[in-house]
């Protein structure tokens, strides 16, 4: 019963997914907070992009103890399982 309660409380929401996408994009590009002014502008753009993914290029479905998050970039679709504030790629071709 405690495990069910923990999974419910730690079920990631759309904001958690947006933050995850932002972190992954920054890591792929190699940006950090101590980057140059141009890179800080890019960081701000990534953060704005990731906050706007829900409902436009992204979709989230909540299943009480876990959630499924879909992201469509161009013709490529990505699907993630959100559980315990962690995101797990469900497709083989998904980037981590």
PDB file of N, CA and C in Angstrom:
ATOM      1  N   UNK A   1       0.812  -1.186   0.000  1.00  0.00           N
ATOM      2  CA  UNK A   1       0.000   0.000   0.000  1.00  0.00           C
ATOM      3  C   UNK A   1       0.870   1.271   0.000  1.00  0.00           C
ATOM      4  N   UNK A   2       1.987   1.212   0.706  1.00  0.00           N
ATOM      5  CA  UNK A   2       2.900   2.353   0.743  1.00  0.00           C
ATOM      6  C   UNK A   2       3.502   2.587  -0.641  1.00  0.00           C
ATOM      7  N   UNK A   3       3.848   1.510  -1.344  1.00  0.00           N
ATOM      8  CA  UNK A   3       4.411   1.631  -2.686  1.00  0.00           C
ATOM      9  C   UNK A   3       3.418   2.308  -3.629  1.00  0.00           C
ATOM     10  N   UNK A   4       2.163   1.944  -3.540  1.00  0.00           N
ATOM     11  CA  UNK A   4       1.139   2.565  -4.386  1.00  0.00           C
ATOM     12  C   UNK A   4       1.039   4.055  -4.080  1.00  0.00           C
ATOM     13  N   UNK A   5       1.063   4.395  -2.808  1.00  0.00           N
ATOM     14  CA  UNK A   5       1.018   5.806  -2.419  1.00  0.00           C
ATOM     15  C   UNK A   5       2.224   6.580  -2.943  1.00  0.00           C
ATOM     16  N   UNK A   6       3.401   5.982  -2.865  1.00  0.00           N
ATOM     17  CA  UNK A   6       4.615   6.634  -3.370  1.00  0.00           C
ATOM     18  C   UNK A   6       4.550   6.831  -4.881  1.00  0.00           C
ATOM     19  N   UNK A   7       4.097   5.808  -5.610  1.00  0.00           N
ATOM     20  CA  UNK A   7       3.984   5.936  -7.065  1.00  0.00           C
ATOM     21  C   UNK A   7       2.984   7.023  -7.444  1.00  0.00           C
ATOM     22  N   UNK A   8       1.885   7.119  -6.701  1.00  0.00           N
ATOM     23  CA  UNK A   8       0.883   8.146  -6.979  1.00  0.00           C
ATOM     24  C   UNK A   8       1.467   9.543  -6.753  1.00  0.00           C
ATOM     25  N   UNK A   9       2.158   9.725  -5.637  1.00  0.00           N
ATOM     26  CA  UNK A   9       2.739  11.027  -5.307  1.00  0.00           C
ATOM     27  C   UNK A   9       3.856  11.392  -6.292  1.00  0.00           C
ATOM     28  N   UNK A  10       4.640  10.423  -6.711  1.00  0.00           N
ATOM     29  CA  UNK A  10       5.782  10.674  -7.587  1.00  0.00           C
ATOM     30  C   UNK A  10       5.454  10.548  -9.075  1.00  0.00           C
ATOM     31  N   UNK A  11       4.181  10.392  -9.412  1.00  0.00           N
ATOM     32  CA  UNK A  11       3.781  10.300 -10.814  1.00  0.00           C
ATOM     33  C   UNK A  11       4.102  11.625 -11.496  1.00  0.00           C
ATOM     34  N   UNK A  12       5.009  11.621 -12.498  1.00  0.00           N
ATOM     35  CA  UNK A  12       5.396  12.877 -13.139  1.00  0.00           C
ATOM     36  C   UNK A  12       4.255  13.466 -13.971  1.00  0.00           C
ATOM     37  N   UNK A  13       4.184  14.790 -13.989  1.00  0.00           N
ATOM     38  CA  UNK A  13       3.153  15.478 -14.754  1.00  0.00           C
ATOM     39  C   UNK A  13       3.768  16.150 -15.982  1.00  0.00           C
ATOM     40  N   UNK A  14       2.964  16.958 -16.663  1.00  0.00           N
ATOM     41  CA  UNK A  14       3.428  17.628 -17.880  1.00  0.00           C
ATOM     42  C   UNK A  14       4.607  18.562 -17.612  1.00  0.00           C
ATOM     43  N   UNK A  15       4.598  19.232 -16.469  1.00  0.00           N
ATOM     44  CA  UNK A  15       5.709  20.127 -16.128  1.00  0.00           C
ATOM     45  C   UNK A  15       7.003  19.350 -15.924  1.00  0.00           C
ATOM     46  N   UNK A  16       6.905  18.181 -15.306  1.00  0.00           N
ATOM     47  CA  UNK A  16       8.089  17.330 -15.125  1.00  0.00           C
ATOM     48  C   UNK A  16       8.620  16.878 -16.479  1.00  0.00           C
ATOM     49  N   UNK A  17       7.714  16.538 -17.399  1.00  0.00           N
ATOM     50  CA  UNK A  17       8.140  16.108 -18.729  1.00  0.00           C
ATOM     51  C   UNK A  17       8.797  17.260 -19.481  1.00  0.00           C
ATOM     52  N   UNK A  18       8.239  18.452 -19.366  1.00  0.00           N
ATOM     53  CA  UNK A  18       8.847  19.625 -20.001  1.00  0.00           C
ATOM     54  C   UNK A  18      10.259  19.855 -19.486  1.00  0.00           C
ATOM     55  N   UNK A  19      10.437  19.735 -18.172  1.00  0.00           N
ATOM     56  CA  UNK A  19      11.771  19.900 -17.582  1.00  0.00           C
ATOM     57  C   UNK A  19      12.717  18.803 -18.073  1.00  0.00           C
ATOM     58  N   UNK A  20      12.220  17.581 -18.194  1.00  0.00           N
ATOM     59  CA  UNK A  20      13.039  16.467 -18.689  1.00  0.00           C
ATOM     60  C   UNK A  20      13.492  16.741 -20.122  1.00  0.00           C
ATOM     61  N   UNK A  21      12.571  17.178 -20.974  1.00  0.00           N
ATOM     62  CA  UNK A  21      12.916  17.471 -22.372  1.00  0.00           C
ATOM     63  C   UNK A  21      13.957  18.584 -22.433  1.00  0.00           C
ATOM     64  N   UNK A  22      13.768  19.615 -21.627  1.00  0.00           N
ATOM     65  CA  UNK A  22      14.717  20.722 -21.598  1.00  0.00           C
ATOM     66  C   UNK A  22      16.114  20.247 -21.189  1.00  0.00           C
ATOM     67  N   UNK A  23      16.177  19.442 -20.139  1.00  0.00           N
ATOM     68  CA  UNK A  23      17.468  18.921 -19.663  1.00  0.00           C
ATOM     69  C   UNK A  23      18.141  18.058 -20.721  1.00  0.00           C
ATOM     70  N   UNK A  24      17.366  17.199 -21.398  1.00  0.00           N
ATOM     71  CA  UNK A  24      17.933  16.322 -22.419  1.00  0.00           C
ATOM     72  C   UNK A  24      18.453  17.124 -23.613  1.00  0.00           C
ATOM     73  N   UNK A  25      17.692  18.150 -24.036  1.00  0.00           N
ATOM     74  CA  UNK A  25      18.148  18.993 -25.148  1.00  0.00           C
ATOM     75  C   UNK A  25      19.434  19.719 -24.782  1.00  0.00           C
ATOM     76  N   UNK A  26      19.487  20.262 -23.574  1.00  0.00           N
ATOM     77  CA  UNK A  26      20.690  20.969 -23.137  1.00  0.00           C
ATOM     78  C   UNK A  26      21.880  20.025 -23.077  1.00  0.00           C
ATOM     79  N   UNK A  27      21.665  18.809 -22.594  1.00  0.00           N
ATOM     80  CA  UNK A  27      22.758  17.836 -22.507  1.00  0.00           C
ATOM     81  C   UNK A  27      23.236  17.428 -23.895  1.00  0.00           C
ATOM     82  N   UNK A  28      22.297  17.241 -24.827  1.00  0.00           N
ATOM     83  CA  UNK A  28      22.679  16.846 -26.197  1.00  0.00           C
ATOM     84  C   UNK A  28      23.502  17.931 -26.871  1.00  0.00           C
ATOM     85  N   UNK A  29      23.160  19.191 -26.611  1.00  0.00           N
ATOM     86  CA  UNK A  29      23.868  20.305 -27.226  1.00  0.00           C
ATOM     87  C   UNK A  29      25.130  20.641 -26.441  1.00  0.00           C
ATOM     88  N   UNK A  30      25.190  20.252 -25.170  1.00  0.00           N
ATOM     89  CA  UNK A  30      26.352  20.515 -24.341  1.00  0.00           C
ATOM     90  C   UNK A  30      26.334  21.898 -23.709  1.00  0.00           C
ATOM     91  N   UNK A  31      25.126  22.403 -23.434  1.00  0.00           N
ATOM     92  CA  UNK A  31      25.014  23.731 -22.823  1.00  0.00           C
ATOM     93  C   UNK A  31      25.003  23.641 -21.307  1.00  0.00           C
ATOM     94  N   UNK A  32      25.560  24.671 -20.668  1.00  0.00           N
ATOM     95  CA  UNK A  32      25.533  24.778 -19.221  1.00  0.00           C
ATOM     96  C   UNK A  32      25.154  26.200 -18.845  1.00  0.00           C
ATOM     97  N   UNK A  33      24.828  26.404 -17.585  1.00  0.00           N
ATOM     98  CA  UNK A  33      24.474  27.742 -17.102  1.00  0.00           C
ATOM     99  C   UNK A  33      25.642  28.712 -17.224  1.00  0.00           C
ATOM    100  N   UNK A  34      26.865  28.212 -17.196  1.00  0.00           N
ATOM    101  CA  UNK A  34      28.037  29.088 -17.270  1.00  0.00           C
ATOM    102  C   UNK A  34      28.474  29.337 -18.719  1.00  0.00           C
ATOM    103  N   UNK A  35      27.601  29.070 -19.656  1.00  0.00           N
ATOM    104  CA  UNK A  35      27.921  29.247 -21.067  1.00  0.00           C
ATOM    105  C   UNK A  35      27.980  30.721 -21.436  1.00  0.00           C
ATOM    106  N   UNK A  36      28.422  30.996 -22.656  1.00  0.00           N
ATOM    107  CA  UNK A  36      28.513  32.367 -23.158  1.00  0.00           C
ATOM    108  C   UNK A  36      27.128  32.976 -23.312  1.00  0.00           C
ATOM    109  N   UNK A  37      27.084  34.269 -23.608  1.00  0.00           N
ATOM    110  CA  UNK A  37      25.812  34.975 -23.761  1.00  0.00           C
ATOM    111  C   UNK A  37      24.971  34.343 -24.864  1.00  0.00           C
ATOM    112  N   UNK A  38      25.587  33.995 -25.992  1.00  0.00           N
ATOM    113  CA  UNK A  38      24.854  33.348 -27.080  1.00  0.00           C
ATOM    114  C   UNK A  38      24.257  32.024 -26.622  1.00  0.00           C
ATOM    115  N   UNK A  39      25.016  31.268 -25.860  1.00  0.00           N
ATOM    116  CA  UNK A  39      24.508  29.989 -25.361  1.00  0.00           C
ATOM    117  C   UNK A  39      23.399  30.187 -24.340  1.00  0.00           C
ATOM    118  N   UNK A  40      23.483  31.248 -23.538  1.00  0.00           N
ATOM    119  CA  UNK A  40      22.415  31.520 -22.575  1.00  0.00           C
ATOM    120  C   UNK A  40      21.118  31.851 -23.305  1.00  0.00           C
ATOM    121  N   UNK A  41      21.220  32.543 -24.432  1.00  0.00           N
ATOM    122  CA  UNK A  41      20.040  32.827 -25.239  1.00  0.00           C
ATOM    123  C   UNK A  41      19.450  31.521 -25.755  1.00  0.00           C
ATOM    124  N   UNK A  42      20.306  30.620 -26.196  1.00  0.00           N
ATOM    125  CA  UNK A  42      19.853  29.310 -26.656  1.00  0.00           C
ATOM    126  C   UNK A  42      19.216  28.527 -25.513  1.00  0.00           C
ATOM    127  N   UNK A  43      19.805  28.580 -24.327  1.00  0.00           N
ATOM    128  CA  UNK A  43      19.224  27.924 -23.152  1.00  0.00           C
ATOM    129  C   UNK A  43      17.819  28.446 -22.875  1.00  0.00           C
ATOM    130  N   UNK A  44      17.653  29.758 -22.920  1.00  0.00           N
ATOM    131  CA  UNK A  44      16.332  30.349 -22.696  1.00  0.00           C
ATOM    132  C   UNK A  44      15.339  29.868 -23.749  1.00  0.00           C
ATOM    133  N   UNK A  45      15.790  29.773 -24.995  1.00  0.00           N
ATOM    134  CA  UNK A  45      14.933  29.277 -26.060  1.00  0.00           C
ATOM    135  C   UNK A  45      14.516  27.834 -25.845  1.00  0.00           C
ATOM    136  N   UNK A  46      15.445  27.002 -25.403  1.00  0.00           N
ATOM    137  CA  UNK A  46      15.136  25.601 -25.118  1.00  0.00           C
ATOM    138  C   UNK A  46      14.115  25.502 -23.990  1.00  0.00           C
ATOM    139  N   UNK A  47      14.292  26.295 -22.949  1.00  0.00           N
ATOM    140  CA  UNK A  47      13.354  26.262 -21.833  1.00  0.00           C
ATOM    141  C   UNK A  47      11.962  26.698 -22.277  1.00  0.00           C
ATOM    142  N   UNK A  48      11.877  27.744 -23.088  1.00  0.00           N
ATOM    143  CA  UNK A  48      10.571  28.185 -23.595  1.00  0.00           C
ATOM    144  C   UNK A  48       9.941  27.129 -24.489  1.00  0.00           C
ATOM    145  N   UNK A  49      10.771  26.520 -25.356  1.00  0.00           N
ATOM    146  CA  UNK A  49      10.272  25.463 -26.240  1.00  0.00           C
ATOM    147  C   UNK A  49       9.708  24.312 -25.424  1.00  0.00           C
ATOM    148  N   UNK A  50      10.460  23.849 -24.424  1.00  0.00           N
ATOM    149  CA  UNK A  50      10.038  22.682 -23.658  1.00  0.00           C
ATOM    150  C   UNK A  50       8.781  22.969 -22.845  1.00  0.00           C
ATOM    151  N   UNK A  51       8.596  24.200 -22.392  1.00  0.00           N
ATOM    152  CA  UNK A  51       7.378  24.544 -21.642  1.00  0.00           C
ATOM    153  C   UNK A  51       6.161  24.593 -22.554  1.00  0.00           C
ATOM    154  N   UNK A  52       6.378  24.787 -23.856  1.00  0.00           N
ATOM    155  CA  UNK A  52       5.261  24.878 -24.783  1.00  0.00           C
ATOM    156  C   UNK A  52       4.942  23.582 -25.509  1.00  0.00           C
ATOM    157  N   UNK A  53       5.590  22.475 -25.148  1.00  0.00           N
ATOM    158  CA  UNK A  53       5.364  21.241 -25.894  1.00  0.00           C
ATOM    159  C   UNK A  53       4.021  20.595 -25.592  1.00  0.00           C
ATOM    160  N   UNK A  54       3.504  20.778 -24.405  1.00  0.00           N
ATOM    161  CA  UNK A  54       2.267  20.118 -24.037  1.00  0.00           C
ATOM    162  C   UNK A  54       1.094  20.721 -24.797  1.00  0.00           C
ATOM    163  N   UNK A  55       0.400  19.875 -25.517  1.00  0.00           N
ATOM    164  CA  UNK A  55      -0.753  20.313 -26.282  1.00  0.00           C
ATOM    165  C   UNK A  55      -0.418  20.734 -27.700  1.00  0.00           C
ATOM    166  N   UNK A  56       0.828  21.042 -28.005  1.00  0.00           N
ATOM    167  CA  UNK A  56       1.179  21.434 -29.366  1.00  0.00           C
ATOM    168  C   UNK A  56       1.908  20.292 -30.069  1.00  0.00           C
ATOM    169  N   UNK A  57       3.068  19.918 -29.598  1.00  0.00           N
ATOM    170  CA  UNK A  57       3.787  18.787 -30.188  1.00  0.00           C
ATOM    171  C   UNK A  57       3.905  17.640 -29.191  1.00  0.00           C
ATOM    172  N   UNK A  58       3.329  17.824 -28.016  1.00  0.00           N
ATOM    173  CA  UNK A  58       3.400  16.793 -26.990  1.00  0.00           C
ATOM    174  C   UNK A  58       2.032  16.516 -26.401  1.00  0.00           C
ATOM    175  N   UNK A  59       1.909  15.329 -25.827  1.00  0.00           N
ATOM    176  CA  UNK A  59       0.658  14.919 -25.211  1.00  0.00           C
ATOM    177  C   UNK A  59       0.987  14.026 -24.028  1.00  0.00           C
ATOM    178  N   UNK A  60       0.258  14.201 -22.949  1.00  0.00           N
ATOM    179  CA  UNK A  60       0.470  13.383 -21.758  1.00  0.00           C
ATOM    180  C   UNK A  60      -0.833  12.721 -21.344  1.00  0.00           C
ATOM    181  N   UNK A  61      -0.738  11.460 -20.950  1.00  0.00           N
ATOM    182  CA  UNK A  61      -1.880  10.718 -20.426  1.00  0.00           C
ATOM    183  C   UNK A  61      -1.527  10.207 -19.044  1.00  0.00           C
ATOM    184  N   UNK A  62      -2.347  10.567 -18.062  1.00  0.00           N
ATOM    185  CA  UNK A  62      -2.111  10.193 -16.672  1.00  0.00           C
ATOM    186  C   UNK A  62      -2.903   8.932 -16.343  1.00  0.00           C
ATOM    187  N   UNK A  63      -2.220   7.938 -15.791  1.00  0.00           N
ATOM    188  CA  UNK A  63      -2.838   6.678 -15.414  1.00  0.00           C
ATOM    189  C   UNK A  63      -2.709   6.415 -13.908  1.00  0.00           C
ATOM    190  N   UNK A  64      -2.773   7.467 -13.116  1.00  0.00           N
ATOM    191  CA  UNK A  64      -2.781   7.434 -11.657  1.00  0.00           C
ATOM    192  C   UNK A  64      -1.425   7.091 -11.051  1.00  0.00           C
ATOM    193  N   UNK A  65      -0.839   5.940 -11.390  1.00  0.00           N
ATOM    194  CA  UNK A  65       0.457   5.544 -10.826  1.00  0.00           C
ATOM    195  C   UNK A  65       1.615   5.796 -11.780  1.00  0.00           C
ATOM    196  N   UNK A  66       1.290   6.018 -13.044  1.00  0.00           N
ATOM    197  CA  UNK A  66       2.297   6.309 -14.053  1.00  0.00           C
ATOM    198  C   UNK A  66       1.645   7.159 -15.130  1.00  0.00           C
ATOM    199  N   UNK A  67       2.444   7.640 -16.057  1.00  0.00           N
ATOM    200  CA  UNK A  67       1.917   8.443 -17.154  1.00  0.00           C
ATOM    201  C   UNK A  67       2.676   8.101 -18.432  1.00  0.00           C
ATOM    202  N   UNK A  68       2.026   8.361 -19.556  1.00  0.00           N
ATOM    203  CA  UNK A  68       2.634   8.158 -20.864  1.00  0.00           C
ATOM    204  C   UNK A  68       2.729   9.524 -21.533  1.00  0.00           C
ATOM    205  N   UNK A  69       3.910   9.848 -22.038  1.00  0.00           N
ATOM    206  CA  UNK A  69       4.153  11.150 -22.661  1.00  0.00           C
ATOM    207  C   UNK A  69       4.603  10.925 -24.102  1.00  0.00           C
ATOM    208  N   UNK A  70       3.886  11.546 -25.019  1.00  0.00           N
ATOM    209  CA  UNK A  70       4.213  11.464 -26.439  1.00  0.00           C
ATOM    210  C   UNK A  70       4.757  12.799 -26.903  1.00  0.00           C
ATOM    211  N   UNK A  71       5.718  12.729 -27.802  1.00  0.00           N
ATOM    212  CA  UNK A  71       6.346  13.926 -28.356  1.00  0.00           C
ATOM    213  C   UNK A  71       6.538  13.692 -29.844  1.00  0.00           C
ATOM    214  N   UNK A  72       6.113  14.650 -30.666  1.00  0.00           N
ATOM    215  CA  UNK A  72       6.265  14.527 -32.111  1.00  0.00           C
ATOM    216  C   UNK A  72       7.114  15.681 -32.618  1.00  0.00           C
ATOM    217  N   UNK A  73       8.272  15.343 -33.156  1.00  0.00           N
ATOM    218  CA  UNK A  73       9.183  16.324 -33.732  1.00  0.00           C
ATOM    219  C   UNK A  73       9.330  15.998 -35.216  1.00  0.00           C
ATOM    220  N   UNK A  74       8.716  16.810 -36.044  1.00  0.00           N
ATOM    221  CA  UNK A  74       8.695  16.517 -37.472  1.00  0.00           C
ATOM    222  C   UNK A  74       7.871  15.267 -37.700  1.00  0.00           C
ATOM    223  N   UNK A  75       8.455  14.301 -38.392  1.00  0.00           N
ATOM    224  CA  UNK A  75       7.763  13.039 -38.644  1.00  0.00           C
ATOM    225  C   UNK A  75       8.114  11.969 -37.611  1.00  0.00           C
ATOM    226  N   UNK A  76       8.983  12.315 -36.675  1.00  0.00           N
ATOM    227  CA  UNK A  76       9.434  11.352 -35.673  1.00  0.00           C
ATOM    228  C   UNK A  76       8.603  11.481 -34.401  1.00  0.00           C
ATOM    229  N   UNK A  77       8.124  10.343 -33.917  1.00  0.00           N
ATOM    230  CA  UNK A  77       7.342  10.307 -32.685  1.00  0.00           C
ATOM    231  C   UNK A  77       8.153   9.608 -31.598  1.00  0.00           C
ATOM    232  N   UNK A  78       8.083  10.154 -30.415  1.00  0.00           N
ATOM    233  CA  UNK A  78       8.762   9.584 -29.253  1.00  0.00           C
ATOM    234  C   UNK A  78       7.730   9.330 -28.175  1.00  0.00           C
ATOM    235  N   UNK A  79       7.891   8.243 -27.431  1.00  0.00           N
ATOM    236  CA  UNK A  79       6.965   7.901 -26.353  1.00  0.00           C
ATOM    237  C   UNK A  79       7.788   7.551 -25.114  1.00  0.00           C
ATOM    238  N   UNK A  80       7.371   8.089 -23.972  1.00  0.00           N
ATOM    239  CA  UNK A  80       8.070   7.885 -22.709  1.00  0.00           C
ATOM    240  C   UNK A  80       7.094   7.435 -21.629  1.00  0.00           C
ATOM    241  N   UNK A  81       7.553   6.540 -20.793  1.00  0.00           N
ATOM    242  CA  UNK A  81       6.831   6.141 -19.594  1.00  0.00           C
ATOM    243  C   UNK A  81       7.331   7.010 -18.463  1.00  0.00           C
ATOM    244  N   UNK A  82       6.421   7.679 -17.779  1.00  0.00           N
ATOM    245  CA  UNK A  82       6.775   8.481 -16.617  1.00  0.00           C
ATOM    246  C   UNK A  82       6.356   7.755 -15.356  1.00  0.00           C
ATOM    247  N   UNK A  83       7.314   7.424 -14.518  1.00  0.00           N
ATOM    248  CA  UNK A  83       7.016   6.730 -13.271  1.00  0.00           C
ATOM    249  C   UNK A  83       8.048   7.144 -12.226  1.00  0.00           C
ATOM    250  N   UNK A  84       7.574   7.449 -11.032  1.00  0.00           N
ATOM    251  CA  UNK A  84       8.442   7.832  -9.911  1.00  0.00           C
ATOM    252  C   UNK A  84       9.391   8.974 -10.293  1.00  0.00           C
ATOM    253  N   UNK A  85       8.834  10.006 -10.956  1.00  0.00           N
ATOM    254  CA  UNK A  85       9.589  11.204 -11.386  1.00  0.00           C
ATOM    255  C   UNK A  85      10.734  10.871 -12.329  1.00  0.00           C
ATOM    256  N   UNK A  86      10.631   9.731 -13.020  1.00  0.00           N
ATOM    257  CA  UNK A  86      11.632   9.287 -13.981  1.00  0.00           C
ATOM    258  C   UNK A  86      10.951   9.031 -15.319  1.00  0.00           C
ATOM    259  N   UNK A  87      11.691   9.244 -16.408  1.00  0.00           N
ATOM    260  CA  UNK A  87      11.140   9.011 -17.737  1.00  0.00           C
ATOM    261  C   UNK A  87      11.958   7.926 -18.424  1.00  0.00           C
ATOM    262  N   UNK A  88      11.250   6.954 -18.980  1.00  0.00           N
ATOM    263  CA  UNK A  88      11.878   5.821 -19.638  1.00  0.00           C
ATOM    264  C   UNK A  88      11.395   5.791 -21.086  1.00  0.00           C
ATOM    265  N   UNK A  89      12.325   5.851 -22.064  1.00  0.00           N
ATOM    266  CA  UNK A  89      11.911   5.765 -23.466  1.00  0.00           C
ATOM    267  C   UNK A  89      11.251   4.414 -23.739  1.00  0.00           C
ATOM    268  N   UNK A  90      10.109   4.428 -24.419  1.00  0.00           N
ATOM    269  CA  UNK A  90       9.406   3.198 -24.734  1.00  0.00           C
ATOM    270  C   UNK A  90       9.693   2.674 -26.133  1.00  0.00           C
ATOM    271  N   UNK A  91      10.235   3.516 -26.985  1.00  0.00           N
ATOM    272  CA  UNK A  91      10.564   3.105 -28.349  1.00  0.00           C
ATOM    273  C   UNK A  91      12.051   2.842 -28.443  1.00  0.00           C
ATOM    274  N   UNK A  92      12.424   1.841 -29.228  1.00  0.00           N
ATOM    275  CA  UNK A  92      13.843   1.522 -29.394  1.00  0.00           C
ATOM    276  C   UNK A  92      14.641   2.683 -29.963  1.00  0.00           C
ATOM    277  N   UNK A  93      14.022   3.468 -30.829  1.00  0.00           N
ATOM    278  CA  UNK A  93      14.733   4.553 -31.498  1.00  0.00           C
ATOM    279  C   UNK A  93      14.777   5.840 -30.688  1.00  0.00           C
ATOM    280  N   UNK A  94      14.154   5.852 -29.520  1.00  0.00           N
ATOM    281  CA  UNK A  94      14.140   7.055 -28.693  1.00  0.00           C
ATOM    282  C   UNK A  94      15.526   7.400 -28.183  1.00  0.00           C
ATOM    283  N   UNK A  95      15.864   8.689 -28.228  1.00  0.00           N
ATOM    284  CA  UNK A  95      17.087   9.093 -27.528  1.00  0.00           C
ATOM    285  C   UNK A  95      16.829   9.059 -26.029  1.00  0.00           C
ATOM    286  N   UNK A  96      17.846   8.850 -25.277  1.00  0.00           N
ATOM    287  CA  UNK A  96      17.661   8.779 -23.813  1.00  0.00           C
ATOM    288  C   UNK A  96      17.217  10.079 -23.229  1.00  0.00           C
TER     289      UNK A  96
END
